[in-house]
């Protein structure tokens, strides 16, 4: 499947954000409780709203928000018995 340019660019930004924190967090999200991930998602969403006027920061925060949603969906996909 060929990705749309917009999707590819955004996915690459998400990956850059993940790699930026690899040394500190790695795949630590895999052991987090869903409630904790949701809390972090809400924190990132708040940060996104606060920087909405700044395009570069907005894109970075949007990638953070998207990464936390990805964490939740991946955890659910691999462990559907957990909510």
N, C-alpha and C. Protein backbone atom coordinates (compact mmCIF):
# COMPACT_ATOMS: atom_id res chain seq x y z
N UNK A 1 0.85 -1.17 0.00
CA UNK A 1 0.00 0.00 0.00
C UNK A 1 0.90 1.24 0.00
N UNK A 2 0.59 2.13 -0.88
CA UNK A 2 1.33 3.39 -0.94
C UNK A 2 0.62 4.40 -0.04
N UNK A 3 1.41 4.99 0.85
CA UNK A 3 0.84 5.98 1.76
C UNK A 3 0.70 7.33 1.08
N UNK A 4 -0.36 8.02 1.44
CA UNK A 4 -0.52 9.40 0.98
C UNK A 4 0.61 10.23 1.56
N UNK A 5 1.06 11.24 0.84
CA UNK A 5 2.17 12.06 1.33
C UNK A 5 1.92 12.65 2.72
N UNK A 6 0.70 13.08 2.99
CA UNK A 6 0.37 13.66 4.29
C UNK A 6 0.50 12.63 5.41
N UNK A 7 0.03 11.43 5.13
CA UNK A 7 0.10 10.35 6.13
C UNK A 7 1.56 9.97 6.38
N UNK A 8 2.34 9.85 5.31
CA UNK A 8 3.75 9.49 5.44
C UNK A 8 4.50 10.54 6.27
N UNK A 9 4.28 11.81 5.96
CA UNK A 9 4.96 12.88 6.70
C UNK A 9 4.60 12.85 8.19
N UNK A 10 3.32 12.65 8.47
CA UNK A 10 2.88 12.63 9.86
C UNK A 10 3.43 11.39 10.58
N UNK A 11 3.41 10.25 9.92
CA UNK A 11 3.96 9.02 10.51
C UNK A 11 5.46 9.17 10.77
N UNK A 12 6.16 9.82 9.88
CA UNK A 12 7.59 10.05 10.09
C UNK A 12 7.82 10.96 11.29
N UNK A 13 6.97 11.95 11.46
CA UNK A 13 7.09 12.84 12.63
C UNK A 13 6.82 12.04 13.90
N UNK A 14 5.82 11.18 13.87
CA UNK A 14 5.54 10.33 15.03
C UNK A 14 6.76 9.48 15.37
N UNK A 15 7.36 8.89 14.36
CA UNK A 15 8.54 8.04 14.58
C UNK A 15 9.71 8.86 15.14
N UNK A 16 9.92 10.06 14.65
CA UNK A 16 10.99 10.92 15.18
C UNK A 16 10.76 11.19 16.67
N UNK A 17 9.50 11.46 17.03
CA UNK A 17 9.19 11.73 18.43
C UNK A 17 9.45 10.48 19.28
N UNK A 18 9.10 9.32 18.78
CA UNK A 18 9.36 8.09 19.53
C UNK A 18 10.86 7.86 19.70
N UNK A 19 11.61 8.04 18.65
CA UNK A 19 13.07 7.83 18.72
C UNK A 19 13.74 8.83 19.64
N UNK A 20 13.21 10.03 19.69
CA UNK A 20 13.77 11.05 20.57
C UNK A 20 13.75 10.59 22.03
N UNK A 21 12.76 9.80 22.39
CA UNK A 21 12.59 9.36 23.78
C UNK A 21 13.00 7.90 24.00
N UNK A 22 13.57 7.25 23.00
CA UNK A 22 13.94 5.84 23.14
C UNK A 22 14.89 5.58 24.30
N UNK A 23 15.91 6.40 24.45
CA UNK A 23 16.87 6.17 25.52
C UNK A 23 16.23 6.29 26.90
N UNK A 24 15.28 7.20 27.01
CA UNK A 24 14.64 7.44 28.30
C UNK A 24 13.51 6.45 28.58
N UNK A 25 12.65 6.21 27.57
CA UNK A 25 11.44 5.42 27.79
C UNK A 25 11.42 4.09 27.03
N UNK A 26 12.05 4.05 25.87
CA UNK A 26 12.00 2.82 25.05
C UNK A 26 10.57 2.44 24.77
N UNK A 27 10.26 1.18 25.00
CA UNK A 27 8.89 0.69 24.83
C UNK A 27 8.16 0.60 26.16
N UNK A 28 8.49 1.51 27.07
CA UNK A 28 7.88 1.49 28.39
C UNK A 28 6.37 1.56 28.38
N UNK A 29 5.81 2.11 27.32
CA UNK A 29 4.36 2.21 27.23
C UNK A 29 3.70 0.83 27.24
N UNK A 30 4.43 -0.18 26.81
CA UNK A 30 3.84 -1.53 26.76
C UNK A 30 3.48 -2.05 28.15
N UNK A 31 4.17 -1.56 29.17
CA UNK A 31 3.87 -2.02 30.53
C UNK A 31 2.99 -1.04 31.30
N UNK A 32 2.62 0.07 30.67
CA UNK A 32 1.76 1.05 31.32
C UNK A 32 0.32 0.56 31.34
N UNK A 33 -0.40 0.94 32.38
CA UNK A 33 -1.84 0.69 32.42
C UNK A 33 -2.53 1.61 31.42
N UNK A 34 -3.62 1.13 30.85
CA UNK A 34 -4.36 1.94 29.89
C UNK A 34 -4.78 3.28 30.49
N UNK A 35 -5.16 3.27 31.76
CA UNK A 35 -5.59 4.51 32.40
C UNK A 35 -4.46 5.53 32.45
N UNK A 36 -3.23 5.03 32.65
CA UNK A 36 -2.08 5.93 32.68
C UNK A 36 -1.78 6.49 31.28
N UNK A 37 -1.95 5.65 30.28
CA UNK A 37 -1.76 6.12 28.91
C UNK A 37 -2.82 7.17 28.57
N UNK A 38 -4.06 6.93 28.99
CA UNK A 38 -5.12 7.91 28.75
C UNK A 38 -4.82 9.23 29.46
N UNK A 39 -4.28 9.15 30.65
CA UNK A 39 -3.91 10.37 31.38
C UNK A 39 -2.85 11.14 30.61
N UNK A 40 -1.83 10.44 30.13
CA UNK A 40 -0.77 11.09 29.35
C UNK A 40 -1.32 11.65 28.04
N UNK A 41 -2.24 10.91 27.41
CA UNK A 41 -2.90 11.39 26.20
C UNK A 41 -3.58 12.73 26.47
N UNK A 42 -4.31 12.81 27.58
CA UNK A 42 -5.01 14.05 27.92
C UNK A 42 -4.03 15.18 28.20
N UNK A 43 -2.89 14.87 28.82
CA UNK A 43 -1.87 15.89 29.06
C UNK A 43 -1.32 16.41 27.73
N UNK A 44 -1.06 15.47 26.81
CA UNK A 44 -0.53 15.87 25.50
C UNK A 44 -1.57 16.67 24.71
N UNK A 45 -2.83 16.30 24.83
CA UNK A 45 -3.89 17.03 24.15
C UNK A 45 -3.97 18.47 24.69
N UNK A 46 -3.82 18.62 25.99
CA UNK A 46 -3.81 19.96 26.59
C UNK A 46 -2.63 20.76 26.04
N UNK A 47 -1.45 20.13 25.96
CA UNK A 47 -0.28 20.82 25.41
C UNK A 47 -0.51 21.22 23.96
N UNK A 48 -1.15 20.35 23.20
CA UNK A 48 -1.45 20.67 21.81
C UNK A 48 -2.32 21.92 21.71
N UNK A 49 -3.34 21.98 22.55
CA UNK A 49 -4.22 23.15 22.54
C UNK A 49 -3.46 24.43 22.89
N UNK A 50 -2.49 24.31 23.80
CA UNK A 50 -1.74 25.49 24.25
C UNK A 50 -0.80 26.04 23.18
N UNK A 51 -0.37 25.20 22.25
CA UNK A 51 0.61 25.66 21.23
C UNK A 51 -0.01 25.70 19.83
N UNK A 52 -1.31 25.68 19.76
CA UNK A 52 -1.99 25.59 18.47
C UNK A 52 -1.56 26.69 17.49
N UNK A 53 -1.21 27.85 18.00
CA UNK A 53 -0.84 29.00 17.15
C UNK A 53 0.55 28.87 16.54
N UNK A 54 1.37 27.95 17.05
CA UNK A 54 2.76 27.77 16.61
C UNK A 54 2.84 26.50 15.78
N UNK A 55 3.00 26.65 14.46
CA UNK A 55 2.89 25.49 13.57
C UNK A 55 3.85 24.35 13.91
N UNK A 56 5.11 24.65 14.13
CA UNK A 56 6.09 23.59 14.40
C UNK A 56 5.79 22.86 15.71
N UNK A 57 5.50 23.62 16.74
CA UNK A 57 5.16 23.00 18.03
C UNK A 57 3.84 22.25 17.95
N UNK A 58 2.90 22.80 17.18
CA UNK A 58 1.62 22.12 17.00
C UNK A 58 1.82 20.75 16.36
N UNK A 59 2.66 20.69 15.33
CA UNK A 59 2.91 19.41 14.66
C UNK A 59 3.58 18.41 15.60
N UNK A 60 4.53 18.87 16.41
CA UNK A 60 5.18 17.98 17.37
C UNK A 60 4.20 17.46 18.42
N UNK A 61 3.38 18.35 18.95
CA UNK A 61 2.41 17.92 19.96
C UNK A 61 1.35 17.01 19.36
N UNK A 62 0.95 17.28 18.13
CA UNK A 62 -0.02 16.40 17.46
C UNK A 62 0.56 15.00 17.30
N UNK A 63 1.86 14.91 17.01
CA UNK A 63 2.51 13.60 16.91
C UNK A 63 2.52 12.90 18.26
N UNK A 64 2.74 13.64 19.34
CA UNK A 64 2.68 13.05 20.67
C UNK A 64 1.29 12.49 20.96
N UNK A 65 0.27 13.28 20.67
CA UNK A 65 -1.11 12.83 20.88
C UNK A 65 -1.37 11.56 20.08
N UNK A 66 -0.97 11.56 18.82
CA UNK A 66 -1.18 10.40 17.96
C UNK A 66 -0.42 9.18 18.48
N UNK A 67 0.78 9.39 19.00
CA UNK A 67 1.54 8.25 19.53
C UNK A 67 0.82 7.62 20.72
N UNK A 68 0.26 8.42 21.60
CA UNK A 68 -0.44 7.83 22.73
C UNK A 68 -1.70 7.09 22.29
N UNK A 69 -2.37 7.57 21.27
CA UNK A 69 -3.50 6.81 20.73
C UNK A 69 -3.03 5.50 20.11
N UNK A 70 -1.89 5.54 19.43
CA UNK A 70 -1.32 4.33 18.87
C UNK A 70 -0.99 3.33 19.97
N UNK A 71 -0.42 3.82 21.08
CA UNK A 71 -0.10 2.92 22.19
C UNK A 71 -1.36 2.19 22.65
N UNK A 72 -2.44 2.94 22.83
CA UNK A 72 -3.69 2.33 23.30
C UNK A 72 -4.22 1.29 22.31
N UNK A 73 -4.23 1.63 21.04
CA UNK A 73 -4.78 0.69 20.07
C UNK A 73 -3.90 -0.54 19.93
N UNK A 74 -2.59 -0.37 20.01
CA UNK A 74 -1.69 -1.52 19.92
C UNK A 74 -1.83 -2.44 21.14
N UNK A 75 -1.94 -1.86 22.30
CA UNK A 75 -2.14 -2.68 23.50
C UNK A 75 -3.43 -3.47 23.40
N UNK A 76 -4.46 -2.82 22.93
CA UNK A 76 -5.77 -3.48 22.80
C UNK A 76 -5.70 -4.59 21.76
N UNK A 77 -4.98 -4.35 20.68
CA UNK A 77 -4.88 -5.35 19.61
C UNK A 77 -4.14 -6.59 20.09
N UNK A 78 -3.11 -6.40 20.90
CA UNK A 78 -2.29 -7.52 21.35
C UNK A 78 -2.85 -8.20 22.60
N UNK A 79 -3.64 -7.46 23.35
CA UNK A 79 -4.19 -8.00 24.60
C UNK A 79 -5.65 -7.58 24.72
N UNK A 80 -6.53 -8.11 23.88
CA UNK A 80 -7.92 -7.65 23.84
C UNK A 80 -8.68 -7.88 25.15
N UNK A 81 -8.18 -8.74 26.03
CA UNK A 81 -8.89 -8.98 27.27
C UNK A 81 -8.76 -7.82 28.25
N UNK A 82 -7.80 -6.89 28.00
CA UNK A 82 -7.61 -5.74 28.87
C UNK A 82 -8.28 -4.52 28.28
N UNK A 83 -8.86 -3.72 29.14
CA UNK A 83 -9.53 -2.51 28.69
C UNK A 83 -8.72 -1.30 29.05
